[in-house]
Amino acid sequence: MNFYKETNFIACDATFKESKVVLAGLPYDGTSSFRPGSRFAPDAIRKASYSTESFSAVAEKDIADYKVCDMGNLEFPFGDRSKVLSETTGLAAHMIGNKKTAIYIGGEHLLTYPILTQYKAKYPNLRVVYWDAHADMRDDYLGDKLSHATAARRTAETVGADRLFMFGIRSFEKQEYLFMKKKEIFFDTYFEKFFEVIKKIKKYPVYFSLDMDVFDPAALPGLGTPEAGGIFYKDFLRFLEGLKQLNIVGMDVLEVAPNYDASGNSSVFAAKVIRELILSAV
């Protein structure tokens, strides 16, 4: 595996060996169906992190007081999706084998699928908490089974439909909706049962997948597929208290498309979210 980067996420300058929490960028958006550009997110978010502080008054912690590594971006061959997926699989296996709590920064939501194949192999009882505006539950998109529009379907097949817990979903294609109802796949558009689910899955290893379009585009316009009706930062902080109760073994933060927000605020927003996730894991 080869990596490259222009800068670290703020205060994440420890070595891989000495760190418990490790960040890695996955700059791929090859199946984006509306507005591509999430491949630029890892670097944009890193740069934006320097407009924030490494200290969080919410967590009452400072990243600088812990050993956190930013590996940089995994180098992908342009246009070769099969290689992208295999490289991502290898990275996830590397993180697991070295007992790291990984935060993968994307990039599009398809990337969750190869990552989860490795976490499921390591943790047979794995549960997945999946925040997204979209169901991502198509069996195929324009005949393609490996797309960011099929990410949740492949996740359900990988970990089991009853082990997938979806929040913020407010956009469905009709057949997706009927399939989810038939299979009794859990989804909660307004997070009304979030803490109930937290209590249910506390004893299991959990992977947390965060598609940033779960947030309302009024707060975060730099998205590949914006969808009205999402949560806001204060909501995130409240739900973060629930996530802290879980045994999270890995997580991803995906689908920011920074070039659609000329102000740069979306990258700053994402950097602040990632800061809190880092501090929840150290």
C-alpha atoms as a PDB file:
ATOM      1  CA  MET A   1       0.000   0.000   0.000  1.00  0.00           C
ATOM      2  CA  ASN A   2       1.196   3.469  -0.866  1.00  0.00           C
ATOM      3  CA  PHE A   3       0.080   6.689   0.816  1.00  0.00           C
ATOM      4  CA  TYR A   4       0.419  10.390   0.100  1.00  0.00           C
ATOM      5  CA  LYS A   5      -0.679  13.598   1.805  1.00  0.00           C
ATOM      6  CA  GLU A   6      -0.146  17.326   1.801  1.00  0.00           C
ATOM      7  CA  THR A   7      -0.662  17.754   5.531  1.00  0.00           C
ATOM      8  CA  ASN A   8      -1.898  15.896   8.607  1.00  0.00           C
ATOM      9  CA  PHE A   9      -5.252  16.403  10.263  1.00  0.00           C
ATOM     10  CA  ILE A  10      -4.577  18.835  13.094  1.00  0.00           C
ATOM     11  CA  ALA A  11      -2.408  17.325  15.867  1.00  0.00           C
ATOM     12  CA  CYS A  12      -2.505  13.842  14.306  1.00  0.00           C
ATOM     13  CA  ASP A  13       1.240  13.560  13.823  1.00  0.00           C
ATOM     14  CA  ALA A  14       2.120  10.438  15.839  1.00  0.00           C
ATOM     15  CA  THR A  15       3.507   7.312  14.203  1.00  0.00           C
ATOM     16  CA  PHE A  16       1.300   4.408  13.209  1.00  0.00           C
ATOM     17  CA  LYS A  17       3.004   2.089  15.689  1.00  0.00           C
ATOM     18  CA  GLU A  18       2.468   4.284  18.732  1.00  0.00           C
ATOM     19  CA  SER A  19      -1.125   5.310  17.961  1.00  0.00           C
ATOM     20  CA  LYS A  20      -4.396   3.769  19.052  1.00  0.00           C
ATOM     21  CA  VAL A  21      -6.484   5.893  16.666  1.00  0.00           C
ATOM     22  CA  VAL A  22      -5.434   6.096  13.010  1.00  0.00           C
ATOM     23  CA  LEU A  23      -6.890   8.198  10.188  1.00  0.00           C
ATOM     24  CA  ALA A  24      -6.664   7.253   6.521  1.00  0.00           C
ATOM     25  CA  GLY A  25      -8.001   9.023   3.449  1.00  0.00           C
ATOM     26  CA  LEU A  26      -9.835   7.141   0.698  1.00  0.00           C
ATOM     27  CA  PRO A  27     -10.006   9.558  -2.271  1.00  0.00           C
ATOM     28  CA  TYR A  28     -12.413   7.721  -4.561  1.00  0.00           C
ATOM     29  CA  ASP A  29     -15.733   8.774  -6.107  1.00  0.00           C
ATOM     30  CA  GLY A  30     -15.860   6.645  -9.236  1.00  0.00           C
ATOM     31  CA  THR A  31     -19.538   5.636  -8.917  1.00  0.00           C
ATOM     32  CA  SER A  32     -20.978   8.949  -7.739  1.00  0.00           C
ATOM     33  CA  SER A  33     -24.356   9.247  -9.418  1.00  0.00           C
ATOM     34  CA  PHE A  34     -25.074  12.994  -9.148  1.00  0.00           C
ATOM     35  CA  ARG A  35     -22.156  15.306  -8.290  1.00  0.00           C
ATOM     36  CA  PRO A  36     -18.682  13.730  -8.160  1.00  0.00           C
ATOM     37  CA  GLY A  37     -15.912  15.314  -6.131  1.00  0.00           C
ATOM     38  CA  SER A  38     -15.772  13.487  -2.791  1.00  0.00           C
ATOM     39  CA  ARG A  39     -12.305  12.280  -3.754  1.00  0.00           C
ATOM     40  CA  PHE A  40     -11.111  15.780  -2.865  1.00  0.00           C
ATOM     41  CA  ALA A  41     -12.577  15.639   0.643  1.00  0.00           C
ATOM     42  CA  PRO A  42      -9.743  14.028   2.639  1.00  0.00           C
ATOM     43  CA  ASP A  43      -7.238  16.748   1.739  1.00  0.00           C
ATOM     44  CA  ALA A  44      -9.781  19.578   1.992  1.00  0.00           C
ATOM     45  CA  ILE A  45     -10.877  18.418   5.444  1.00  0.00           C
ATOM     46  CA  ARG A  46      -7.280  18.129   6.640  1.00  0.00           C
ATOM     47  CA  LYS A  47      -6.545  21.705   5.538  1.00  0.00           C
ATOM     48  CA  ALA A  48      -9.772  22.949   7.110  1.00  0.00           C
ATOM     49  CA  SER A  49      -8.908  21.266  10.410  1.00  0.00           C
ATOM     50  CA  TYR A  50      -6.335  24.004  11.017  1.00  0.00           C
ATOM     51  CA  SER A  51      -9.156  26.551  11.208  1.00  0.00           C
ATOM     52  CA  THR A  52     -10.422  24.688  14.281  1.00  0.00           C
ATOM     53  CA  GLU A  53      -8.664  23.869  17.535  1.00  0.00           C
ATOM     54  CA  SER A  54      -7.264  20.501  18.520  1.00  0.00           C
ATOM     55  CA  PHE A  55      -8.999  21.032  21.873  1.00  0.00           C
ATOM     56  CA  SER A  56     -12.718  20.358  22.255  1.00  0.00           C
ATOM     57  CA  ALA A  57     -14.649  21.989  25.068  1.00  0.00           C
ATOM     58  CA  VAL A  58     -17.411  19.444  24.450  1.00  0.00           C
ATOM     59  CA  ALA A  59     -15.128  16.466  25.072  1.00  0.00           C
ATOM     60  CA  GLU A  60     -12.807  18.409  27.402  1.00  0.00           C
ATOM     61  CA  LYS A  61      -9.923  16.734  25.597  1.00  0.00           C
ATOM     62  CA  ASP A  62      -7.156  17.821  23.245  1.00  0.00           C
ATOM     63  CA  ILE A  63      -5.984  15.639  20.349  1.00  0.00           C
ATOM     64  CA  ALA A  64      -2.450  16.901  21.041  1.00  0.00           C
ATOM     65  CA  ASP A  65      -2.484  15.060  24.383  1.00  0.00           C
ATOM     66  CA  TYR A  66      -2.903  11.688  22.656  1.00  0.00           C
ATOM     67  CA  LYS A  67      -1.056   9.621  20.072  1.00  0.00           C
ATOM     68  CA  VAL A  68      -3.097   9.848  16.870  1.00  0.00           C
ATOM     69  CA  CYS A  69      -1.736   8.992  13.431  1.00  0.00           C
ATOM     70  CA  ASP A  70      -2.805  10.342  10.050  1.00  0.00           C
ATOM     71  CA  MET A  71      -1.516   7.896   7.448  1.00  0.00           C
ATOM     72  CA  GLY A  72      -2.512  10.139   4.561  1.00  0.00           C
ATOM     73  CA  ASN A  73      -4.438   9.042   1.487  1.00  0.00           C
ATOM     74  CA  LEU A  74      -4.348   5.530   0.149  1.00  0.00           C
ATOM     75  CA  GLU A  75      -3.048   5.820  -3.396  1.00  0.00           C
ATOM     76  CA  PHE A  76      -5.577   4.479  -5.885  1.00  0.00           C
ATOM     77  CA  PRO A  77      -5.089   3.674  -9.571  1.00  0.00           C
ATOM     78  CA  PHE A  78      -7.255   6.091 -11.519  1.00  0.00           C
ATOM     79  CA  GLY A  79     -10.365   4.454 -12.980  1.00  0.00           C
ATOM     80  CA  ASP A  80      -9.720   0.909 -11.718  1.00  0.00           C
ATOM     81  CA  ARG A  81     -12.555   0.201  -9.278  1.00  0.00           C
ATOM     82  CA  SER A  82     -11.573  -3.413  -8.607  1.00  0.00           C
ATOM     83  CA  LYS A  83      -8.121  -2.260  -7.543  1.00  0.00           C
ATOM     84  CA  VAL A  84      -9.634   0.479  -5.381  1.00  0.00           C
ATOM     85  CA  LEU A  85     -11.783  -2.075  -3.581  1.00  0.00           C
ATOM     86  CA  SER A  86      -8.935  -4.537  -3.106  1.00  0.00           C
ATOM     87  CA  GLU A  87      -6.610  -1.808  -1.792  1.00  0.00           C
ATOM     88  CA  THR A  88      -9.297  -0.634   0.614  1.00  0.00           C
ATOM     89  CA  THR A  89      -9.844  -4.215   1.779  1.00  0.00           C
ATOM     90  CA  GLY A  90      -6.133  -4.556   2.408  1.00  0.00           C
ATOM     91  CA  LEU A  91      -6.020  -1.331   4.402  1.00  0.00           C
ATOM     92  CA  ALA A  92      -8.909  -2.436   6.624  1.00  0.00           C
ATOM     93  CA  ALA A  93      -7.178  -5.778   7.247  1.00  0.00           C
ATOM     94  CA  HIS A  94      -3.993  -3.880   8.145  1.00  0.00           C
ATOM     95  CA  MET A  95      -5.842  -1.683  10.653  1.00  0.00           C
ATOM     96  CA  ILE A  96      -7.563  -4.662  12.246  1.00  0.00           C
ATOM     97  CA  GLY A  97      -4.397  -6.750  12.354  1.00  0.00           C
ATOM     98  CA  ASN A  98      -2.597  -3.962  14.185  1.00  0.00           C
ATOM     99  CA  LYS A  99      -5.495  -3.371  16.595  1.00  0.00           C
ATOM    100  CA  LYS A 100      -6.109   0.223  15.528  1.00  0.00           C
ATOM    101  CA  THR A 101      -9.339   2.153  15.831  1.00  0.00           C
ATOM    102  CA  ALA A 102      -9.514   3.417  12.273  1.00  0.00           C
ATOM    103  CA  ILE A 103     -11.307   6.490  10.961  1.00  0.00           C
ATOM    104  CA  TYR A 104     -11.560   6.255   7.183  1.00  0.00           C
ATOM    105  CA  ILE A 105     -12.183   9.583   5.430  1.00  0.00           C
ATOM    106  CA  GLY A 106     -13.737   9.405   1.975  1.00  0.00           C
ATOM    107  CA  GLY A 107     -14.616   9.416  -0.682  1.00  0.00           C
ATOM    108  CA  GLU A 108     -17.930   7.789  -1.556  1.00  0.00           C
ATOM    109  CA  HIS A 109     -20.101   5.359   0.386  1.00  0.00           C
ATOM    110  CA  LEU A 110     -19.258   2.287  -1.693  1.00  0.00           C
ATOM    111  CA  LEU A 111     -15.951   2.239   0.224  1.00  0.00           C
ATOM    112  CA  THR A 112     -17.774   1.026   3.337  1.00  0.00           C
ATOM    113  CA  TYR A 113     -18.467  -2.321   1.683  1.00  0.00           C
ATOM    114  CA  PRO A 114     -14.870  -3.614   1.287  1.00  0.00           C
ATOM    115  CA  ILE A 115     -14.017  -2.281   4.738  1.00  0.00           C
ATOM    116  CA  LEU A 116     -16.898  -4.179   6.320  1.00  0.00           C
ATOM    117  CA  THR A 117     -15.900  -7.481   4.740  1.00  0.00           C
ATOM    118  CA  GLN A 118     -12.818  -7.380   6.957  1.00  0.00           C
ATOM    119  CA  TYR A 119     -14.533  -6.190  10.133  1.00  0.00           C
ATOM    120  CA  LYS A 120     -17.201  -8.856   9.775  1.00  0.00           C
ATOM    121  CA  ALA A 121     -14.496 -11.517   9.381  1.00  0.00           C
ATOM    122  CA  LYS A 122     -12.815 -10.291  12.558  1.00  0.00           C
ATOM    123  CA  TYR A 123     -16.013  -9.661  14.536  1.00  0.00           C
ATOM    124  CA  PRO A 124     -18.726 -12.203  13.625  1.00  0.00           C
ATOM    125  CA  ASN A 125     -21.258 -10.426  15.868  1.00  0.00           C
ATOM    126  CA  LEU A 126     -20.597  -7.028  14.289  1.00  0.00           C
ATOM    127  CA  ARG A 127     -23.366  -4.432  14.256  1.00  0.00           C
ATOM    128  CA  VAL A 128     -23.384  -1.462  11.891  1.00  0.00           C
ATOM    129  CA  VAL A 129     -24.752   1.997  12.682  1.00  0.00           C
ATOM    130  CA  TYR A 130     -25.325   3.719   9.349  1.00  0.00           C
ATOM    131  CA  TRP A 131     -26.136   7.434   9.123  1.00  0.00           C
ATOM    132  CA  ASP A 132     -27.229   8.624   5.688  1.00  0.00           C
ATOM    133  CA  ALA A 133     -29.856  10.683   3.899  1.00  0.00           C
ATOM    134  CA  HIS A 134     -30.333   7.938   1.312  1.00  0.00           C
ATOM    135  CA  ALA A 135     -31.323   4.313   1.636  1.00  0.00           C
ATOM    136  CA  ASP A 136     -28.474   3.036  -0.597  1.00  0.00           C
ATOM    137  CA  MET A 137     -30.452  -0.195  -0.742  1.00  0.00           C
ATOM    138  CA  ARG A 138     -30.741  -0.829  -4.492  1.00  0.00           C
ATOM    139  CA  ASP A 139     -29.598  -4.259  -5.580  1.00  0.00           C
ATOM    140  CA  ASP A 140     -27.982  -2.587  -8.556  1.00  0.00           C
ATOM    141  CA  TYR A 141     -27.767   0.902 -10.005  1.00  0.00           C
ATOM    142  CA  LEU A 142     -27.988   0.976 -13.807  1.00  0.00           C
ATOM    143  CA  GLY A 143     -27.026  -2.697 -13.774  1.00  0.00           C
ATOM    144  CA  ASP A 144     -24.047  -2.223 -11.460  1.00  0.00           C
ATOM    145  CA  LYS A 145     -24.098  -3.977  -8.089  1.00  0.00           C
ATOM    146  CA  LEU A 146     -21.078  -2.054  -6.789  1.00  0.00           C
ATOM    147  CA  SER A 147     -22.133   1.575  -6.498  1.00  0.00           C
ATOM    148  CA  HIS A 148     -22.546   4.141  -3.761  1.00  0.00           C
ATOM    149  CA  ALA A 149     -26.285   3.628  -4.400  1.00  0.00           C
ATOM    150  CA  THR A 150     -25.972  -0.043  -3.369  1.00  0.00           C
ATOM    151  CA  ALA A 151     -23.681   0.397  -0.355  1.00  0.00           C
ATOM    152  CA  ALA A 152     -26.302  -0.383   2.300  1.00  0.00           C
ATOM    153  CA  ARG A 153     -27.606  -3.399   0.348  1.00  0.00           C
ATOM    154  CA  ARG A 154     -24.113  -4.869   0.230  1.00  0.00           C
ATOM    155  CA  THR A 155     -23.707  -4.002   3.915  1.00  0.00           C
ATOM    156  CA  ALA A 156     -26.907  -5.852   4.821  1.00  0.00           C
ATOM    157  CA  GLU A 157     -25.702  -8.879   2.858  1.00  0.00           C
ATOM    158  CA  THR A 158     -22.309  -8.740   4.573  1.00  0.00           C
ATOM    159  CA  VAL A 159     -23.312  -8.327   8.225  1.00  0.00           C
ATOM    160  CA  GLY A 160     -26.967  -9.457   8.159  1.00  0.00           C
ATOM    161  CA  ALA A 161     -30.087  -7.369   7.629  1.00  0.00           C
ATOM    162  CA  ASP A 162     -30.998  -7.542  11.320  1.00  0.00           C
ATOM    163  CA  ARG A 163     -27.592  -6.138  12.321  1.00  0.00           C
ATOM    164  CA  LEU A 164     -27.833  -2.942  10.309  1.00  0.00           C
ATOM    165  CA  PHE A 165     -29.286   0.155  11.993  1.00  0.00           C
ATOM    166  CA  MET A 166     -29.940   3.083   9.678  1.00  0.00           C
ATOM    167  CA  PHE A 167     -30.602   6.656  10.805  1.00  0.00           C
ATOM    168  CA  GLY A 168     -31.493   9.838   8.959  1.00  0.00           C
ATOM    169  CA  ILE A 169     -32.773   8.025   5.871  1.00  0.00           C
ATOM    170  CA  ARG A 170     -35.197  10.337   4.087  1.00  0.00           C
ATOM    171  CA  SER A 171     -34.798   9.446   0.409  1.00  0.00           C
ATOM    172  CA  PHE A 172     -35.936   6.113  -1.035  1.00  0.00           C
ATOM    173  CA  GLU A 173     -36.480   4.655  -4.450  1.00  0.00           C
ATOM    174  CA  LYS A 174     -39.798   2.767  -4.305  1.00  0.00           C
ATOM    175  CA  GLN A 175     -38.346  -0.746  -4.622  1.00  0.00           C
ATOM    176  CA  GLU A 176     -35.736   0.043  -1.970  1.00  0.00           C
ATOM    177  CA  TYR A 177     -38.461   1.080   0.432  1.00  0.00           C
ATOM    178  CA  LEU A 178     -40.518  -2.048  -0.218  1.00  0.00           C
ATOM    179  CA  PHE A 179     -37.449  -4.262   0.145  1.00  0.00           C
ATOM    180  CA  MET A 180     -36.526  -2.692   3.475  1.00  0.00           C
ATOM    181  CA  LYS A 181     -40.047  -3.144   4.762  1.00  0.00           C
ATOM    182  CA  LYS A 182     -40.139  -6.761   3.603  1.00  0.00           C
ATOM    183  CA  LYS A 183     -36.773  -7.599   5.190  1.00  0.00           C
ATOM    184  CA  GLU A 184     -37.579  -5.534   8.297  1.00  0.00           C
ATOM    185  CA  ILE A 185     -34.375  -3.544   7.968  1.00  0.00           C
ATOM    186  CA  PHE A 186     -34.301  -0.960  10.713  1.00  0.00           C
ATOM    187  CA  PHE A 187     -34.406   2.693   9.709  1.00  0.00           C
ATOM    188  CA  ASP A 188     -35.277   5.788  11.690  1.00  0.00           C
ATOM    189  CA  THR A 189     -35.525   9.034   9.743  1.00  0.00           C
ATOM    190  CA  TYR A 190     -35.630  11.352  12.741  1.00  0.00           C
ATOM    191  CA  PHE A 191     -33.435   9.451  15.246  1.00  0.00           C
ATOM    192  CA  GLU A 192     -36.433   8.955  17.537  1.00  0.00           C
ATOM    193  CA  LYS A 193     -35.281   5.461  18.538  1.00  0.00           C
ATOM    194  CA  PHE A 194     -31.556   6.174  18.503  1.00  0.00           C
ATOM    195  CA  PHE A 195     -30.889   5.730  22.212  1.00  0.00           C
ATOM    196  CA  GLU A 196     -33.159   2.689  22.301  1.00  0.00           C
ATOM    197  CA  VAL A 197     -30.932   1.099  19.647  1.00  0.00           C
ATOM    198  CA  ILE A 198     -27.806   2.123  21.577  1.00  0.00           C
ATOM    199  CA  LYS A 199     -29.023   0.129  24.580  1.00  0.00           C
ATOM    200  CA  LYS A 200     -29.760  -2.840  22.326  1.00  0.00           C
ATOM    201  CA  ILE A 201     -26.303  -3.058  20.716  1.00  0.00           C
ATOM    202  CA  LYS A 202     -24.000  -1.901  23.547  1.00  0.00           C
ATOM    203  CA  LYS A 203     -22.588  -5.382  24.141  1.00  0.00           C
ATOM    204  CA  TYR A 204     -21.540  -5.909  20.511  1.00  0.00           C
ATOM    205  CA  PRO A 205     -18.649  -4.614  18.420  1.00  0.00           C
ATOM    206  CA  VAL A 206     -19.964  -1.767  16.262  1.00  0.00           C
ATOM    207  CA  TYR A 207     -18.841  -0.161  13.023  1.00  0.00           C
ATOM    208  CA  PHE A 208     -20.074   3.412  12.529  1.00  0.00           C
ATOM    209  CA  SER A 209     -20.572   4.670   8.975  1.00  0.00           C
ATOM    210  CA  LEU A 210     -21.297   8.386   8.579  1.00  0.00           C
ATOM    211  CA  ASP A 211     -22.427   9.733   5.227  1.00  0.00           C
ATOM    212  CA  MET A 212     -22.233  13.481   5.750  1.00  0.00           C
ATOM    213  CA  ASP A 213     -25.394  14.079   3.758  1.00  0.00           C
ATOM    214  CA  VAL A 214     -27.245  12.982   6.893  1.00  0.00           C
ATOM    215  CA  PHE A 215     -26.718  16.639   7.821  1.00  0.00           C
ATOM    216  CA  ASP A 216     -29.033  19.254   6.377  1.00  0.00           C
ATOM    217  CA  PRO A 217     -27.572  20.951   3.282  1.00  0.00           C
ATOM    218  CA  ALA A 218     -28.427  24.308   4.862  1.00  0.00           C
ATOM    219  CA  ALA A 219     -25.535  23.581   7.218  1.00  0.00           C
ATOM    220  CA  LEU A 220     -23.415  21.500   4.850  1.00  0.00           C
ATOM    221  CA  PRO A 221     -23.908  22.387   1.160  1.00  0.00           C
ATOM    222  CA  GLY A 222     -20.703  20.732  -0.040  1.00  0.00           C
ATOM    223  CA  LEU A 223     -22.232  17.322  -0.757  1.00  0.00           C
ATOM    224  CA  GLY A 224     -22.456  15.055  -3.757  1.00  0.00           C
ATOM    225  CA  THR A 225     -26.143  14.334  -3.176  1.00  0.00           C
ATOM    226  CA  PRO A 226     -27.702  16.933  -0.855  1.00  0.00           C
ATOM    227  CA  GLU A 227     -31.096  16.119   0.628  1.00  0.00           C
ATOM    228  CA  ALA A 228     -33.282  18.536   2.603  1.00  0.00           C
ATOM    229  CA  GLY A 229     -34.495  17.630   6.072  1.00  0.00           C
ATOM    230  CA  GLY A 230     -31.308  16.533   7.813  1.00  0.00           C
ATOM    231  CA  ILE A 231     -29.829  16.959  11.267  1.00  0.00           C
ATOM    232  CA  PHE A 232     -27.634  19.824  12.490  1.00  0.00           C
ATOM    233  CA  TYR A 233     -24.416  20.007  14.499  1.00  0.00           C
ATOM    234  CA  LYS A 234     -26.163  20.270  17.871  1.00  0.00           C
ATOM    235  CA  ASP A 235     -28.063  17.081  17.036  1.00  0.00           C
ATOM    236  CA  PHE A 236     -24.764  15.374  16.236  1.00  0.00           C
ATOM    237  CA  LEU A 237     -23.328  16.302  19.628  1.00  0.00           C
ATOM    238  CA  ARG A 238     -26.380  14.876  21.400  1.00  0.00           C
ATOM    239  CA  PHE A 239     -26.215  11.619  19.461  1.00  0.00           C
ATOM    240  CA  LEU A 240     -22.448  11.459  19.944  1.00  0.00           C
ATOM    241  CA  GLU A 241     -23.142  10.834  23.630  1.00  0.00           C
ATOM    242  CA  GLY A 242     -24.892   7.647  22.558  1.00  0.00           C
ATOM    243  CA  LEU A 243     -22.080   6.599  20.242  1.00  0.00           C
ATOM    244  CA  LYS A 244     -19.615   6.963  23.109  1.00  0.00           C
ATOM    245  CA  GLN A 245     -21.453   4.171  24.925  1.00  0.00           C
ATOM    246  CA  LEU A 246     -20.705   1.708  22.124  1.00  0.00           C
ATOM    247  CA  ASN A 247     -17.733  -0.537  21.467  1.00  0.00           C
ATOM    248  CA  ILE A 248     -16.844   1.113  18.159  1.00  0.00           C
ATOM    249  CA  VAL A 249     -14.133  -0.851  16.377  1.00  0.00           C
ATOM    250  CA  GLY A 250     -13.965   1.341  13.267  1.00  0.00           C
ATOM    251  CA  MET A 251     -15.712   4.209  11.528  1.00  0.00           C
ATOM    252  CA  ASP A 252     -15.858   6.162   8.309  1.00  0.00           C
ATOM    253  CA  VAL A 253     -16.796   9.732   7.354  1.00  0.00           C
ATOM    254  CA  LEU A 254     -17.828   9.988   3.710  1.00  0.00           C
ATOM    255  CA  GLU A 255     -19.406  11.909   0.823  1.00  0.00           C
ATOM    256  CA  VAL A 256     -18.301  15.500   1.448  1.00  0.00           C
ATOM    257  CA  ALA A 257     -17.765  17.122  -1.954  1.00  0.00           C
ATOM    258  CA  PRO A 258     -15.881  20.295  -1.033  1.00  0.00           C
ATOM    259  CA  ASN A 259     -15.845  21.959  -4.437  1.00  0.00           C
ATOM    260  CA  TYR A 260     -19.620  22.547  -4.271  1.00  0.00           C
ATOM    261  CA  ASP A 261     -19.150  24.879  -1.313  1.00  0.00           C
ATOM    262  CA  ALA A 262     -17.072  27.874  -2.406  1.00  0.00           C
ATOM    263  CA  SER A 263     -17.034  29.198   1.162  1.00  0.00           C
ATOM    264  CA  GLY A 264     -15.112  26.157   2.421  1.00  0.00           C
ATOM    265  CA  ASN A 265     -17.486  25.887   5.372  1.00  0.00           C
ATOM    266  CA  SER A 266     -18.455  22.284   4.602  1.00  0.00           C
ATOM    267  CA  SER A 267     -14.865  21.111   5.024  1.00  0.00           C
ATOM    268  CA  VAL A 268     -14.605  23.004   8.319  1.00  0.00           C
ATOM    269  CA  PHE A 269     -17.872  21.412   9.447  1.00  0.00           C
ATOM    270  CA  ALA A 270     -16.570  17.940   8.576  1.00  0.00           C
ATOM    271  CA  ALA A 271     -13.248  18.610  10.317  1.00  0.00           C
ATOM    272  CA  LYS A 272     -15.057  19.536  13.509  1.00  0.00           C
ATOM    273  CA  VAL A 273     -17.159  16.367  13.339  1.00  0.00           C
ATOM    274  CA  ILE A 274     -14.022  14.273  12.833  1.00  0.00           C
ATOM    275  CA  ARG A 275     -12.289  16.006  15.743  1.00  0.00           C
ATOM    276  CA  GLU A 276     -15.115  14.935  18.042  1.00  0.00           C
ATOM    277  CA  LEU A 277     -15.032  11.375  16.674  1.00  0.00           C
ATOM    278  CA  ILE A 278     -11.281  11.176  17.269  1.00  0.00           C
ATOM    279  CA  LEU A 279     -11.700  12.374  20.837  1.00  0.00           C
ATOM    280  CA  SER A 280     -14.496   9.880  21.409  1.00  0.00           C
ATOM    281  CA  ALA A 281     -12.101   7.083  20.460  1.00  0.00           C
ATOM    282  CA  VAL A 282      -8.834   7.994  22.201  1.00  0.00           C
END
